[in-house]
Amino acid sequence: MKNVIRTAFAVFALSVAGYASAAQEVDRSEALSLMKVGVVSTGNAYTLDQLNRSLAMKASDAGATGYRITSVRGNNLLSATATLYR
């Protein structure tokens, strides 16, 4: 039983650590104090939450600490662009 609890705790801790290093969405006032480091885009999403998760992953992969969504477009399938900040 202790091994199950330890394993569950380890999985939880690792998953939380992954989210802690993910890029965070920033607002306009926060973006003013950060350095712009690039732009990413994503598409083929059905919801805004899917777009936001995809942009956050791409921003993290690019080494950014934050991102600001600059455009969202589409009817059935959505696409978006975001500016990356560090």
C-alpha atoms as a PDB file:
ATOM      1  CA  MET A   1       0.000   0.000   0.000  1.00  0.00           C
ATOM      2  CA  LYS A   2       2.857   2.384   0.789  1.00  0.00           C
ATOM      3  CA  ASN A   3       4.348   1.780  -2.660  1.00  0.00           C
ATOM      4  CA  VAL A   4       1.048   2.725  -4.310  1.00  0.00           C
ATOM      5  CA  ILE A   5       0.877   5.947  -2.317  1.00  0.00           C
ATOM      6  CA  ARG A   6       4.497   6.807  -3.066  1.00  0.00           C
ATOM      7  CA  THR A   7       4.018   6.097  -6.777  1.00  0.00           C
ATOM      8  CA  ALA A   8       0.847   8.201  -6.903  1.00  0.00           C
ATOM      9  CA  PHE A   9       2.599  11.054  -5.110  1.00  0.00           C
ATOM     10  CA  ALA A  10       5.593  10.866  -7.474  1.00  0.00           C
ATOM     11  CA  VAL A  11       3.327  11.000 -10.538  1.00  0.00           C
ATOM     12  CA  PHE A  12       1.448  13.958  -9.080  1.00  0.00           C
ATOM     13  CA  ALA A  13       4.655  15.815  -8.223  1.00  0.00           C
ATOM     14  CA  LEU A  14       6.081  15.298 -11.701  1.00  0.00           C
ATOM     15  CA  SER A  15       2.884  16.463 -13.375  1.00  0.00           C
ATOM     16  CA  VAL A  16       2.768  19.613 -11.229  1.00  0.00           C
ATOM     17  CA  ALA A  17       6.420  20.306 -12.026  1.00  0.00           C
ATOM     18  CA  GLY A  18       5.588  20.137 -15.731  1.00  0.00           C
ATOM     19  CA  TYR A  19       2.848  22.727 -15.386  1.00  0.00           C
ATOM     20  CA  ALA A  20       5.062  24.987 -13.312  1.00  0.00           C
ATOM     21  CA  SER A  21       7.541  25.333 -16.165  1.00  0.00           C
ATOM     22  CA  ALA A  22       4.858  25.962 -18.800  1.00  0.00           C
ATOM     23  CA  ALA A  23       4.574  29.429 -20.300  1.00  0.00           C
ATOM     24  CA  GLN A  24       1.815  31.571 -18.776  1.00  0.00           C
ATOM     25  CA  GLU A  25      -0.559  33.866 -20.605  1.00  0.00           C
ATOM     26  CA  VAL A  26       0.260  37.510 -19.856  1.00  0.00           C
ATOM     27  CA  ASP A  27      -1.896  40.610 -20.171  1.00  0.00           C
ATOM     28  CA  ARG A  28      -0.998  43.858 -21.902  1.00  0.00           C
ATOM     29  CA  SER A  29       0.480  45.568 -18.835  1.00  0.00           C
ATOM     30  CA  GLU A  30       2.679  42.553 -17.997  1.00  0.00           C
ATOM     31  CA  ALA A  31       3.852  42.325 -21.614  1.00  0.00           C
ATOM     32  CA  LEU A  32       5.213  45.881 -21.435  1.00  0.00           C
ATOM     33  CA  SER A  33       7.825  44.843 -18.871  1.00  0.00           C
ATOM     34  CA  LEU A  34       8.899  41.682 -20.749  1.00  0.00           C
ATOM     35  CA  MET A  35      11.135  41.194 -23.772  1.00  0.00           C
ATOM     36  CA  LYS A  36       9.464  40.031 -26.989  1.00  0.00           C
ATOM     37  CA  VAL A  37      11.217  36.881 -28.259  1.00  0.00           C
ATOM     38  CA  GLY A  38       9.032  35.641 -31.115  1.00  0.00           C
ATOM     39  CA  VAL A  39       5.654  34.636 -32.498  1.00  0.00           C
ATOM     40  CA  VAL A  40       3.860  31.272 -32.691  1.00  0.00           C
ATOM     41  CA  SER A  41       0.673  30.112 -34.356  1.00  0.00           C
ATOM     42  CA  THR A  42      -1.600  27.118 -34.027  1.00  0.00           C
ATOM     43  CA  GLY A  43      -4.734  25.809 -35.653  1.00  0.00           C
ATOM     44  CA  ASN A  44      -7.211  22.976 -36.111  1.00  0.00           C
ATOM     45  CA  ALA A  45      -8.800  23.525 -32.691  1.00  0.00           C
ATOM     46  CA  TYR A  46     -12.495  23.285 -31.905  1.00  0.00           C
ATOM     47  CA  THR A  47     -12.454  25.354 -28.688  1.00  0.00           C
ATOM     48  CA  LEU A  48     -10.625  28.353 -27.277  1.00  0.00           C
ATOM     49  CA  ASP A  49      -9.277  26.144 -24.479  1.00  0.00           C
ATOM     50  CA  GLN A  50      -7.629  23.873 -27.064  1.00  0.00           C
ATOM     51  CA  LEU A  51      -6.066  26.919 -28.723  1.00  0.00           C
ATOM     52  CA  ASN A  52      -4.806  28.246 -25.394  1.00  0.00           C
ATOM     53  CA  ARG A  53      -3.241  24.892 -24.407  1.00  0.00           C
ATOM     54  CA  SER A  54      -1.594  24.539 -27.809  1.00  0.00           C
ATOM     55  CA  LEU A  55      -0.156  28.071 -27.686  1.00  0.00           C
ATOM     56  CA  ALA A  56       1.123  27.493 -24.136  1.00  0.00           C
ATOM     57  CA  MET A  57       2.905  24.290 -25.217  1.00  0.00           C
ATOM     58  CA  LYS A  58       4.450  25.952 -28.265  1.00  0.00           C
ATOM     59  CA  ALA A  59       5.572  28.929 -26.174  1.00  0.00           C
ATOM     60  CA  SER A  60       7.197  26.620 -23.622  1.00  0.00           C
ATOM     61  CA  ASP A  61       8.890  24.624 -26.372  1.00  0.00           C
ATOM     62  CA  ALA A  62      10.306  27.891 -27.727  1.00  0.00           C
ATOM     63  CA  GLY A  63      11.715  28.788 -24.298  1.00  0.00           C
ATOM     64  CA  ALA A  64       9.306  31.630 -23.558  1.00  0.00           C
ATOM     65  CA  THR A  65       8.035  32.296 -20.049  1.00  0.00           C
ATOM     66  CA  GLY A  66       4.896  34.064 -21.257  1.00  0.00           C
ATOM     67  CA  TYR A  67       2.711  34.616 -24.293  1.00  0.00           C
ATOM     68  CA  ARG A  68      -0.033  37.029 -25.337  1.00  0.00           C
ATOM     69  CA  ILE A  69      -2.707  35.936 -27.806  1.00  0.00           C
ATOM     70  CA  THR A  70      -2.844  38.484 -30.619  1.00  0.00           C
ATOM     71  CA  SER A  71      -5.457  36.976 -32.944  1.00  0.00           C
ATOM     72  CA  VAL A  72      -8.052  34.216 -33.125  1.00  0.00           C
ATOM     73  CA  ARG A  73      -9.973  33.379 -36.281  1.00  0.00           C
ATOM     74  CA  GLY A  74     -12.199  30.696 -37.727  1.00  0.00           C
ATOM     75  CA  ASN A  75     -15.715  29.341 -37.755  1.00  0.00           C
ATOM     76  CA  ASN A  76     -15.707  25.585 -37.144  1.00  0.00           C
ATOM     77  CA  LEU A  77     -11.946  25.112 -36.831  1.00  0.00           C
ATOM     78  CA  LEU A  78     -10.100  27.861 -34.990  1.00  0.00           C
ATOM     79  CA  SER A  79      -6.563  29.152 -35.423  1.00  0.00           C
ATOM     80  CA  ALA A  80      -4.594  31.712 -33.413  1.00  0.00           C
ATOM     81  CA  THR A  81      -1.307  33.578 -33.136  1.00  0.00           C
ATOM     82  CA  ALA A  82       0.527  34.717 -30.020  1.00  0.00           C
ATOM     83  CA  THR A  83       3.533  36.876 -29.214  1.00  0.00           C
ATOM     84  CA  LEU A  84       6.146  35.232 -27.005  1.00  0.00           C
ATOM     85  CA  TYR A  85       7.871  36.952 -24.090  1.00  0.00           C
ATOM     86  CA  ARG A  86      10.740  36.208 -21.766  1.00  0.00           C
END
